[in-house]
């Protein structure tokens, strides 16, 4: 997440710059590049589909999702809230 000049937090947290390489890592040639934009409605629709993998119980899965939410919101606050 990067805060560039201007009031554009939503664009900053819902824009993904992509670069695809052929092979196992970034040493391969670039085979695709682009920008993915997620609209607010799309992001709100995606949130209920988040799930944790490799957990041993529903409680652990919920904890992992909560930890991710705290991390994401913390990073957002660190980038935009302390101005």
Protein backbone atom coordinates (compact mmCIF):
# COMPACT_ATOMS: atom_id res chain seq x y z
CA UNK A 1 0.00 0.00 0.00
CA UNK A 2 1.38 3.38 -0.94
CA UNK A 3 -0.12 6.80 -0.26
CA UNK A 4 0.64 9.12 -3.15
CA UNK A 5 -0.41 12.80 -3.15
CA UNK A 6 -4.12 13.58 -3.08
CA UNK A 7 -7.20 12.15 -1.40
CA UNK A 8 -7.31 8.80 -3.13
CA UNK A 9 -7.17 6.17 -0.40
CA UNK A 10 -9.80 4.00 -2.05
CA UNK A 11 -7.91 3.91 -5.35
CA UNK A 12 -4.68 3.15 -3.50
CA UNK A 13 -6.08 0.13 -1.66
CA UNK A 14 -8.07 -1.28 -4.59
CA UNK A 15 -5.52 -1.00 -7.41
CA UNK A 16 -3.16 -3.89 -8.11
CA UNK A 17 -0.26 -3.46 -10.51
CA UNK A 18 0.59 -6.86 -11.97
CA UNK A 19 3.60 -8.26 -13.75
CA UNK A 20 3.59 -11.90 -14.87
CA UNK A 21 6.80 -13.78 -15.58
CA UNK A 22 7.25 -17.07 -17.41
CA UNK A 23 8.71 -19.70 -15.13
CA UNK A 24 8.99 -20.12 -11.40
CA UNK A 25 10.11 -16.62 -10.39
CA UNK A 26 10.78 -13.07 -11.54
CA UNK A 27 13.90 -14.08 -13.47
CA UNK A 28 11.78 -15.31 -16.39
CA UNK A 29 10.68 -13.08 -19.25
CA UNK A 30 7.62 -10.92 -18.74
CA UNK A 31 4.59 -12.49 -20.43
CA UNK A 32 1.91 -10.12 -19.19
CA UNK A 33 1.40 -6.89 -17.33
CA UNK A 34 -1.50 -4.72 -16.36
CA UNK A 35 -3.50 -2.99 -13.70
CA UNK A 36 -6.45 -4.53 -11.87
CA UNK A 37 -9.01 -2.13 -10.39
CA UNK A 38 -11.56 -3.33 -7.85
CA UNK A 39 -14.68 -1.20 -7.40
CA UNK A 40 -16.07 -0.60 -3.91
CA UNK A 41 -19.10 -2.81 -4.56
CA UNK A 42 -16.88 -5.59 -5.86
CA UNK A 43 -14.62 -5.46 -2.80
CA UNK A 44 -17.59 -5.53 -0.44
CA UNK A 45 -18.87 -8.58 -2.31
CA UNK A 46 -15.48 -10.30 -2.07
CA UNK A 47 -15.07 -9.95 1.70
CA UNK A 48 -17.61 -12.68 2.58
CA UNK A 49 -15.73 -15.08 0.31
CA UNK A 50 -12.45 -14.80 2.26
CA UNK A 51 -11.51 -18.00 4.02
CA UNK A 52 -8.45 -19.32 5.81
CA UNK A 53 -6.77 -22.52 4.65
CA UNK A 54 -4.82 -25.09 6.62
CA UNK A 55 -6.61 -24.38 9.89
CA UNK A 56 -7.70 -27.08 12.30
CA UNK A 57 -11.06 -25.67 13.37
CA UNK A 58 -13.67 -23.01 12.58
CA UNK A 59 -12.41 -21.03 15.59
CA UNK A 60 -8.85 -21.03 14.26
CA UNK A 61 -10.11 -20.02 10.82
CA UNK A 62 -12.00 -17.09 12.34
CA UNK A 63 -8.91 -16.04 14.30
CA UNK A 64 -6.76 -16.09 11.14
CA UNK A 65 -9.32 -13.93 9.29
CA UNK A 66 -9.52 -11.52 12.25
CA UNK A 67 -5.71 -11.29 12.35
CA UNK A 68 -5.67 -10.48 8.64
CA UNK A 69 -8.36 -7.81 9.13
CA UNK A 70 -6.38 -6.20 11.95
CA UNK A 71 -3.20 -6.28 9.84
CA UNK A 72 -4.94 -4.75 6.81
CA UNK A 73 -6.69 -2.04 8.80
CA UNK A 74 -3.48 -1.32 10.73
CA UNK A 75 -1.54 -0.83 7.51
CA UNK A 76 -4.32 1.37 6.16
CA UNK A 77 -4.29 3.48 9.34
CA UNK A 78 -0.50 3.74 9.27
CA UNK A 79 -0.62 4.96 5.67
CA UNK A 80 -3.62 7.31 5.83
CA UNK A 81 -4.78 7.95 9.39
CA UNK A 82 -1.73 9.52 10.97
CA UNK A 83 -1.56 12.64 8.82
